[in-house]
């Protein structure tokens, strides 16, 4: 299933569950600003969307988590023995 279809299903389900308007905050990932996503937003009066400014990890806590995970994966002390390059 494409990203727009999954998001449509998720947002529609949440809207039915909470029976209230939804405010969605998104980053500028290509799939988040696609034509399909713009159509999704335009067809739903109960959906308000705010786009985060480009390069704003301070406003997007997920970016901090990703950065932490990437640092951890790059640290050889946290890798499994069979994953270390040159390790036996």
PDB file of N, CA and C in Angstrom:
ATOM      1  N   UNK A   1       0.854  -1.187   0.000  1.00  0.00           N
ATOM      2  CA  UNK A   1       0.000   0.000   0.000  1.00  0.00           C
ATOM      3  C   UNK A   1       0.891   1.239   0.000  1.00  0.00           C
ATOM      4  N   UNK A   2       0.536   2.200  -0.804  1.00  0.00           N
ATOM      5  CA  UNK A   2       1.313   3.427  -0.903  1.00  0.00           C
ATOM      6  C   UNK A   2       1.159   4.276   0.358  1.00  0.00           C
ATOM      7  N   UNK A   3       2.134   5.153   0.577  1.00  0.00           N
ATOM      8  CA  UNK A   3       2.148   5.995   1.770  1.00  0.00           C
ATOM      9  C   UNK A   3       0.868   6.814   1.899  1.00  0.00           C
ATOM     10  N   UNK A   4       0.434   7.452   0.827  1.00  0.00           N
ATOM     11  CA  UNK A   4      -0.768   8.289   0.891  1.00  0.00           C
ATOM     12  C   UNK A   4      -1.988   7.464   1.272  1.00  0.00           C
ATOM     13  N   UNK A   5      -2.090   6.259   0.738  1.00  0.00           N
ATOM     14  CA  UNK A   5      -3.232   5.394   1.068  1.00  0.00           C
ATOM     15  C   UNK A   5      -3.197   4.974   2.532  1.00  0.00           C
ATOM     16  N   UNK A   6      -2.015   4.663   3.041  1.00  0.00           N
ATOM     17  CA  UNK A   6      -1.895   4.277   4.464  1.00  0.00           C
ATOM     18  C   UNK A   6      -2.242   5.449   5.370  1.00  0.00           C
ATOM     19  N   UNK A   7      -1.749   6.632   5.012  1.00  0.00           N
ATOM     20  CA  UNK A   7      -2.035   7.819   5.820  1.00  0.00           C
ATOM     21  C   UNK A   7      -3.526   8.142   5.771  1.00  0.00           C
ATOM     22  N   UNK A   8      -4.138   8.021   4.595  1.00  0.00           N
ATOM     23  CA  UNK A   8      -5.573   8.265   4.454  1.00  0.00           C
ATOM     24  C   UNK A   8      -6.361   7.344   5.369  1.00  0.00           C
ATOM     25  N   UNK A   9      -6.005   6.073   5.365  1.00  0.00           N
ATOM     26  CA  UNK A   9      -6.683   5.091   6.209  1.00  0.00           C
ATOM     27  C   UNK A   9      -6.490   5.407   7.683  1.00  0.00           C
ATOM     28  N   UNK A  10      -5.264   5.718   8.068  1.00  0.00           N
ATOM     29  CA  UNK A  10      -4.961   6.024   9.465  1.00  0.00           C
ATOM     30  C   UNK A  10      -5.684   7.280   9.945  1.00  0.00           C
ATOM     31  N   UNK A  11      -5.575   8.358   9.185  1.00  0.00           N
ATOM     32  CA  UNK A  11      -6.198   9.615   9.603  1.00  0.00           C
ATOM     33  C   UNK A  11      -7.716   9.487   9.626  1.00  0.00           C
ATOM     34  N   UNK A  12      -8.273   8.821   8.628  1.00  0.00           N
ATOM     35  CA  UNK A  12      -9.729   8.605   8.612  1.00  0.00           C
ATOM     36  C   UNK A  12     -10.192   7.790   9.804  1.00  0.00           C
ATOM     37  N   UNK A  13      -9.433   6.759  10.160  1.00  0.00           N
ATOM     38  CA  UNK A  13      -9.771   5.937  11.319  1.00  0.00           C
ATOM     39  C   UNK A  13      -9.693   6.715  12.624  1.00  0.00           C
ATOM     40  N   UNK A  14      -8.659   7.523  12.764  1.00  0.00           N
ATOM     41  CA  UNK A  14      -8.517   8.340  13.975  1.00  0.00           C
ATOM     42  C   UNK A  14      -9.667   9.340  14.065  1.00  0.00           C
ATOM     43  N   UNK A  15     -10.003   9.947  12.944  1.00  0.00           N
ATOM     44  CA  UNK A  15     -11.099  10.923  12.936  1.00  0.00           C
ATOM     45  C   UNK A  15     -12.414  10.265  13.352  1.00  0.00           C
ATOM     46  N   UNK A  16     -12.682   9.075  12.861  1.00  0.00           N
ATOM     47  CA  UNK A  16     -13.904   8.363  13.259  1.00  0.00           C
ATOM     48  C   UNK A  16     -13.874   7.994  14.733  1.00  0.00           C
ATOM     49  N   UNK A  17     -12.708   7.636  15.226  1.00  0.00           N
ATOM     50  CA  UNK A  17     -12.580   7.234  16.623  1.00  0.00           C
ATOM     51  C   UNK A  17     -12.769   8.408  17.580  1.00  0.00           C
ATOM     52  N   UNK A  18     -12.096   9.520  17.309  1.00  0.00           N
ATOM     53  CA  UNK A  18     -12.157  10.654  18.237  1.00  0.00           C
ATOM     54  C   UNK A  18     -13.326  11.588  17.954  1.00  0.00           C
ATOM     55  N   UNK A  19     -13.900  11.476  16.758  1.00  0.00           N
ATOM     56  CA  UNK A  19     -15.041  12.312  16.367  1.00  0.00           C
ATOM     57  C   UNK A  19     -14.773  13.794  16.617  1.00  0.00           C
ATOM     58  N   UNK A  20     -13.582  14.212  16.183  1.00  0.00           N
ATOM     59  CA  UNK A  20     -13.162  15.601  16.373  1.00  0.00           C
ATOM     60  C   UNK A  20     -12.194  15.985  15.260  1.00  0.00           C
ATOM     61  N   UNK A  21     -12.015  17.282  15.053  1.00  0.00           N
ATOM     62  CA  UNK A  21     -11.028  17.712  14.062  1.00  0.00           C
ATOM     63  C   UNK A  21      -9.623  17.223  14.447  1.00  0.00           C
ATOM     64  N   UNK A  22      -8.787  17.076  13.451  1.00  0.00           N
ATOM     65  CA  UNK A  22      -7.424  16.585  13.668  1.00  0.00           C
ATOM     66  C   UNK A  22      -6.437  17.643  13.203  1.00  0.00           C
ATOM     67  N   UNK A  23      -5.391  17.841  14.000  1.00  0.00           N
ATOM     68  CA  UNK A  23      -4.278  18.708  13.623  1.00  0.00           C
ATOM     69  C   UNK A  23      -3.079  17.790  13.410  1.00  0.00           C
ATOM     70  N   UNK A  24      -2.507  17.861  12.230  1.00  0.00           N
ATOM     71  CA  UNK A  24      -1.387  17.006  11.842  1.00  0.00           C
ATOM     72  C   UNK A  24      -0.163  17.881  11.620  1.00  0.00           C
ATOM     73  N   UNK A  25       0.951  17.527  12.241  1.00  0.00           N
ATOM     74  CA  UNK A  25       2.210  18.247  12.064  1.00  0.00           C
ATOM     75  C   UNK A  25       3.146  17.308  11.316  1.00  0.00           C
ATOM     76  N   UNK A  26       3.634  17.774  10.168  1.00  0.00           N
ATOM     77  CA  UNK A  26       4.460  16.922   9.315  1.00  0.00           C
ATOM     78  C   UNK A  26       5.784  17.589   8.997  1.00  0.00           C
ATOM     79  N   UNK A  27       6.775  16.736   8.731  1.00  0.00           N
ATOM     80  CA  UNK A  27       8.031  17.275   8.206  1.00  0.00           C
ATOM     81  C   UNK A  27       7.893  17.341   6.684  1.00  0.00           C
ATOM     82  N   UNK A  28       8.948  17.673   6.009  1.00  0.00           N
ATOM     83  CA  UNK A  28       8.870  17.877   4.558  1.00  0.00           C
ATOM     84  C   UNK A  28       9.421  16.693   3.760  1.00  0.00           C
ATOM     85  N   UNK A  29       9.262  15.497   4.294  1.00  0.00           N
ATOM     86  CA  UNK A  29       9.631  14.297   3.555  1.00  0.00           C
ATOM     87  C   UNK A  29       8.852  14.284   2.243  1.00  0.00           C
ATOM     88  N   UNK A  30       9.484  13.836   1.164  1.00  0.00           N
ATOM     89  CA  UNK A  30       8.848  13.875  -0.155  1.00  0.00           C
ATOM     90  C   UNK A  30       7.438  13.294  -0.158  1.00  0.00           C
ATOM     91  N   UNK A  31       7.255  12.154   0.489  1.00  0.00           N
ATOM     92  CA  UNK A  31       5.932  11.529   0.486  1.00  0.00           C
ATOM     93  C   UNK A  31       4.919  12.338   1.302  1.00  0.00           C
ATOM     94  N   UNK A  32       5.391  13.191   2.202  1.00  0.00           N
ATOM     95  CA  UNK A  32       4.490  14.006   3.011  1.00  0.00           C
ATOM     96  C   UNK A  32       3.987  15.242   2.270  1.00  0.00           C
ATOM     97  N   UNK A  33       4.674  15.638   1.231  1.00  0.00           N
ATOM     98  CA  UNK A  33       4.270  16.824   0.478  1.00  0.00           C
ATOM     99  C   UNK A  33       3.912  16.475  -0.970  1.00  0.00           C
ATOM    100  N   UNK A  34       3.596  15.206  -1.209  1.00  0.00           N
ATOM    101  CA  UNK A  34       3.273  14.744  -2.559  1.00  0.00           C
ATOM    102  C   UNK A  34       1.906  15.270  -3.003  1.00  0.00           C
ATOM    103  N   UNK A  35       1.642  15.141  -4.282  1.00  0.00           N
ATOM    104  CA  UNK A  35       0.354  15.552  -4.844  1.00  0.00           C
ATOM    105  C   UNK A  35      -0.785  14.779  -4.181  1.00  0.00           C
ATOM    106  N   UNK A  36      -0.578  13.484  -3.971  1.00  0.00           N
ATOM    107  CA  UNK A  36      -1.615  12.657  -3.334  1.00  0.00           C
ATOM    108  C   UNK A  36      -1.922  13.143  -1.923  1.00  0.00           C
ATOM    109  N   UNK A  37      -0.884  13.545  -1.176  1.00  0.00           N
ATOM    110  CA  UNK A  37      -1.106  14.037   0.186  1.00  0.00           C
ATOM    111  C   UNK A  37      -1.832  15.370   0.168  1.00  0.00           C
ATOM    112  N   UNK A  38      -1.499  16.227  -0.790  1.00  0.00           N
ATOM    113  CA  UNK A  38      -2.195  17.511  -0.898  1.00  0.00           C
ATOM    114  C   UNK A  38      -3.676  17.300  -1.203  1.00  0.00           C
ATOM    115  N   UNK A  39      -3.988  16.317  -2.054  1.00  0.00           N
ATOM    116  CA  UNK A  39      -5.393  15.994  -2.344  1.00  0.00           C
ATOM    117  C   UNK A  39      -6.089  15.481  -1.088  1.00  0.00           C
ATOM    118  N   UNK A  40      -5.415  14.613  -0.344  1.00  0.00           N
ATOM    119  CA  UNK A  40      -5.967  14.077   0.901  1.00  0.00           C
ATOM    120  C   UNK A  40      -6.352  15.208   1.846  1.00  0.00           C
ATOM    121  N   UNK A  41      -5.469  16.161   1.999  1.00  0.00           N
ATOM    122  CA  UNK A  41      -5.707  17.280   2.908  1.00  0.00           C
ATOM    123  C   UNK A  41      -6.852  18.149   2.400  1.00  0.00           C
ATOM    124  N   UNK A  42      -6.850  18.430   1.119  1.00  0.00           N
ATOM    125  CA  UNK A  42      -7.869  19.300   0.540  1.00  0.00           C
ATOM    126  C   UNK A  42      -9.278  18.743   0.615  1.00  0.00           C
ATOM    127  N   UNK A  43      -9.415  17.434   0.690  1.00  0.00           N
ATOM    128  CA  UNK A  43     -10.732  16.789   0.715  1.00  0.00           C
ATOM    129  C   UNK A  43     -11.305  16.657   2.129  1.00  0.00           C
ATOM    130  N   UNK A  44     -10.575  17.068   3.135  1.00  0.00           N
ATOM    131  CA  UNK A  44     -11.006  16.871   4.517  1.00  0.00           C
ATOM    132  C   UNK A  44     -10.989  18.197   5.276  1.00  0.00           C
ATOM    133  N   UNK A  45     -12.166  18.782   5.426  1.00  0.00           N
ATOM    134  CA  UNK A  45     -12.277  20.076   6.113  1.00  0.00           C
ATOM    135  C   UNK A  45     -11.907  19.964   7.587  1.00  0.00           C
ATOM    136  N   UNK A  46     -12.015  18.779   8.158  1.00  0.00           N
ATOM    137  CA  UNK A  46     -11.732  18.557   9.575  1.00  0.00           C
ATOM    138  C   UNK A  46     -10.248  18.339   9.850  1.00  0.00           C
ATOM    139  N   UNK A  47      -9.423  18.397   8.796  1.00  0.00           N
ATOM    140  CA  UNK A  47      -7.991  18.138   8.928  1.00  0.00           C
ATOM    141  C   UNK A  47      -7.200  19.426   8.720  1.00  0.00           C
ATOM    142  N   UNK A  48      -6.433  19.819   9.740  1.00  0.00           N
ATOM    143  CA  UNK A  48      -5.546  20.977   9.654  1.00  0.00           C
ATOM    144  C   UNK A  48      -4.119  20.470   9.675  1.00  0.00           C
ATOM    145  N   UNK A  49      -3.300  20.939   8.748  1.00  0.00           N
ATOM    146  CA  UNK A  49      -1.928  20.452   8.632  1.00  0.00           C
ATOM    147  C   UNK A  49      -0.953  21.613   8.766  1.00  0.00           C
ATOM    148  N   UNK A  50       0.071  21.394   9.572  1.00  0.00           N
ATOM    149  CA  UNK A  50       1.181  22.330   9.705  1.00  0.00           C
ATOM    150  C   UNK A  50       2.439  21.623   9.231  1.00  0.00           C
ATOM    151  N   UNK A  51       3.197  22.274   8.359  1.00  0.00           N
ATOM    152  CA  UNK A  51       4.470  21.727   7.899  1.00  0.00           C
ATOM    153  C   UNK A  51       5.594  22.325   8.729  1.00  0.00           C
ATOM    154  N   UNK A  52       6.494  21.476   9.185  1.00  0.00           N
ATOM    155  CA  UNK A  52       7.668  21.962   9.899  1.00  0.00           C
ATOM    156  C   UNK A  52       8.601  22.645   8.906  1.00  0.00           C
ATOM    157  N   UNK A  53       9.323  23.656   9.351  1.00  0.00           N
ATOM    158  CA  UNK A  53      10.309  24.275   8.458  1.00  0.00           C
ATOM    159  C   UNK A  53      11.384  23.258   8.079  1.00  0.00           C
ATOM    160  N   UNK A  54      11.970  23.437   6.917  1.00  0.00           N
ATOM    161  CA  UNK A  54      13.056  22.553   6.492  1.00  0.00           C
ATOM    162  C   UNK A  54      14.206  22.632   7.495  1.00  0.00           C
ATOM    163  N   UNK A  55      14.860  21.523   7.704  1.00  0.00           N
ATOM    164  CA  UNK A  55      16.028  21.443   8.585  1.00  0.00           C
ATOM    165  C   UNK A  55      15.724  21.988   9.982  1.00  0.00           C
ATOM    166  N   UNK A  56      14.729  21.411  10.623  1.00  0.00           N
ATOM    167  CA  UNK A  56      14.345  21.869  11.964  1.00  0.00           C
ATOM    168  C   UNK A  56      14.233  20.695  12.927  1.00  0.00           C
ATOM    169  N   UNK A  57      15.337  19.974  13.169  1.00  0.00           N
ATOM    170  CA  UNK A  57      15.269  18.822  14.059  1.00  0.00           C
ATOM    171  C   UNK A  57      14.862  19.187  15.484  1.00  0.00           C
ATOM    172  N   UNK A  58      15.072  20.452  15.875  1.00  0.00           N
ATOM    173  CA  UNK A  58      14.674  20.886  17.210  1.00  0.00           C
ATOM    174  C   UNK A  58      13.156  20.888  17.374  1.00  0.00           C
ATOM    175  N   UNK A  59      12.404  20.958  16.266  1.00  0.00           N
ATOM    176  CA  UNK A  59      10.947  20.928  16.323  1.00  0.00           C
ATOM    177  C   UNK A  59      10.376  19.535  16.087  1.00  0.00           C
ATOM    178  N   UNK A  60      11.239  18.593  15.718  1.00  0.00           N
ATOM    179  CA  UNK A  60      10.790  17.246  15.395  1.00  0.00           C
ATOM    180  C   UNK A  60      11.543  16.246  16.272  1.00  0.00           C
ATOM    181  N   UNK A  61      10.953  15.830  17.401  1.00  0.00           N
ATOM    182  CA  UNK A  61      11.662  14.950  18.329  1.00  0.00           C
ATOM    183  C   UNK A  61      12.075  13.619  17.718  1.00  0.00           C
ATOM    184  N   UNK A  62      11.382  13.169  16.687  1.00  0.00           N
ATOM    185  CA  UNK A  62      11.742  11.908  16.043  1.00  0.00           C
ATOM    186  C   UNK A  62      13.150  12.001  15.466  1.00  0.00           C
ATOM    187  N   UNK A  63      13.529  13.172  14.987  1.00  0.00           N
ATOM    188  CA  UNK A  63      14.868  13.344  14.423  1.00  0.00           C
ATOM    189  C   UNK A  63      15.940  13.111  15.475  1.00  0.00           C
ATOM    190  N   UNK A  64      15.677  13.515  16.698  1.00  0.00           N
ATOM    191  CA  UNK A  64      16.649  13.272  17.779  1.00  0.00           C
ATOM    192  C   UNK A  64      16.787  11.782  18.051  1.00  0.00           C
ATOM    193  N   UNK A  65      15.675  11.071  18.028  1.00  0.00           N
ATOM    194  CA  UNK A  65      15.713   9.619  18.249  1.00  0.00           C
ATOM    195  C   UNK A  65      16.497   8.955  17.124  1.00  0.00           C
ATOM    196  N   UNK A  66      16.216   9.334  15.882  1.00  0.00           N
ATOM    197  CA  UNK A  66      16.938   8.756  14.743  1.00  0.00           C
ATOM    198  C   UNK A  66      18.435   9.022  14.851  1.00  0.00           C
ATOM    199  N   UNK A  67      18.804  10.233  15.216  1.00  0.00           N
ATOM    200  CA  UNK A  67      20.217  10.573  15.348  1.00  0.00           C
ATOM    201  C   UNK A  67      20.871   9.724  16.436  1.00  0.00           C
ATOM    202  N   UNK A  68      20.171   9.517  17.541  1.00  0.00           N
ATOM    203  CA  UNK A  68      20.703   8.694  18.639  1.00  0.00           C
ATOM    204  C   UNK A  68      20.894   7.253  18.179  1.00  0.00           C
ATOM    205  N   UNK A  69      19.909   6.715  17.479  1.00  0.00           N
ATOM    206  CA  UNK A  69      20.001   5.336  16.985  1.00  0.00           C
ATOM    207  C   UNK A  69      21.147   5.203  15.989  1.00  0.00           C
ATOM    208  N   UNK A  70      21.283   6.168  15.081  1.00  0.00           N
ATOM    209  CA  UNK A  70      22.364   6.115  14.093  1.00  0.00           C
ATOM    210  C   UNK A  70      23.728   6.151  14.770  1.00  0.00           C
ATOM    211  N   UNK A  71      23.867   6.998  15.801  1.00  0.00           N
ATOM    212  CA  UNK A  71      25.144   7.052  16.527  1.00  0.00           C
ATOM    213  C   UNK A  71      25.407   5.718  17.206  1.00  0.00           C
ATOM    214  N   UNK A  72      24.365   5.141  17.788  1.00  0.00           N
ATOM    215  CA  UNK A  72      24.523   3.859  18.472  1.00  0.00           C
ATOM    216  C   UNK A  72      24.894   2.747  17.512  1.00  0.00           C
ATOM    217  N   UNK A  73      24.299   2.737  16.336  1.00  0.00           N
ATOM    218  CA  UNK A  73      24.605   1.706  15.353  1.00  0.00           C
ATOM    219  C   UNK A  73      26.013   1.858  14.791  1.00  0.00           C
ATOM    220  N   UNK A  74      26.497   3.081  14.740  1.00  0.00           N
ATOM    221  CA  UNK A  74      27.843   3.322  14.223  1.00  0.00           C
ATOM    222  C   UNK A  74      28.918   2.961  15.243  1.00  0.00           C
ATOM    223  N   UNK A  75      28.543   2.864  16.514  1.00  0.00           N
ATOM    224  CA  UNK A  75      29.497   2.552  17.580  1.00  0.00           C
ATOM    225  C   UNK A  75      29.748   1.047  17.604  1.00  0.00           C
ATOM    226  N   UNK A  76      30.975   0.599  17.333  1.00  0.00           N
ATOM    227  CA  UNK A  76      31.258  -0.836  17.291  1.00  0.00           C
ATOM    228  C   UNK A  76      30.998  -1.556  18.615  1.00  0.00           C
ATOM    229  N   UNK A  77      30.997  -0.829  19.716  1.00  0.00           N
ATOM    230  CA  UNK A  77      30.719  -1.467  21.014  1.00  0.00           C
ATOM    231  C   UNK A  77      29.288  -1.961  21.110  1.00  0.00           C
ATOM    232  N   UNK A  78      28.386  -1.392  20.276  1.00  0.00           N
ATOM    233  CA  UNK A  78      26.981  -1.766  20.337  1.00  0.00           C
ATOM    234  C   UNK A  78      26.568  -2.721  19.230  1.00  0.00           C
ATOM    235  N   UNK A  79      27.515  -3.191  18.440  1.00  0.00           N
ATOM    236  CA  UNK A  79      27.197  -4.105  17.357  1.00  0.00           C
ATOM    237  C   UNK A  79      27.334  -5.540  17.823  1.00  0.00           C
ATOM    238  N   UNK A  80      26.555  -6.401  17.221  1.00  0.00           N
ATOM    239  CA  UNK A  80      26.680  -7.834  17.518  1.00  0.00           C
ATOM    240  C   UNK A  80      28.005  -8.332  16.962  1.00  0.00           C
ATOM    241  N   UNK A  81      28.619  -9.332  17.596  1.00  0.00           N
ATOM    242  CA  UNK A  81      29.932  -9.794  17.152  1.00  0.00           C
ATOM    243  C   UNK A  81      29.964 -10.173  15.670  1.00  0.00           C
ATOM    244  N   UNK A  82      28.939 -10.826  15.174  1.00  0.00           N
ATOM    245  CA  UNK A  82      28.955 -11.258  13.781  1.00  0.00           C
ATOM    246  C   UNK A  82      28.731 -10.105  12.803  1.00  0.00           C
ATOM    247  N   UNK A  83      28.396  -8.910  13.308  1.00  0.00           N
ATOM    248  CA  UNK A  83      28.158  -7.745  12.448  1.00  0.00           C
ATOM    249  C   UNK A  83      29.388  -6.858  12.325  1.00  0.00           C
ATOM    250  N   UNK A  84      30.369  -7.070  13.150  1.00  0.00           N
ATOM    251  CA  UNK A  84      31.562  -6.222  13.117  1.00  0.00           C
ATOM    252  C   UNK A  84      32.383  -6.563  11.872  1.00  0.00           C
ATOM    253  N   UNK A  85      32.848  -5.553  11.220  1.00  0.00           N
ATOM    254  CA  UNK A  85      33.664  -5.795  10.038  1.00  0.00           C
ATOM    255  C   UNK A  85      35.001  -6.402  10.468  1.00  0.00           C
ATOM    256  N   UNK A  86      35.375  -7.466   9.816  1.00  0.00           N
ATOM    257  CA  UNK A  86      36.632  -8.131  10.122  1.00  0.00           C
ATOM    258  C   UNK A  86      36.580  -8.976  11.378  1.00  0.00           C
ATOM    259  N   UNK A  87      35.434  -9.009  12.075  1.00  0.00           N
ATOM    260  CA  UNK A  87      35.331  -9.793  13.300  1.00  0.00           C
ATOM    261  C   UNK A  87      35.042 -11.246  13.011  1.00  0.00           C
ATOM    262  N   UNK A  88      35.395 -12.085  13.941  1.00  0.00           N
ATOM    263  CA  UNK A  88      35.148 -13.514  13.755  1.00  0.00           C
ATOM    264  C   UNK A  88      34.095 -13.987  14.713  1.00  0.00           C
TER     265      UNK A  88
END
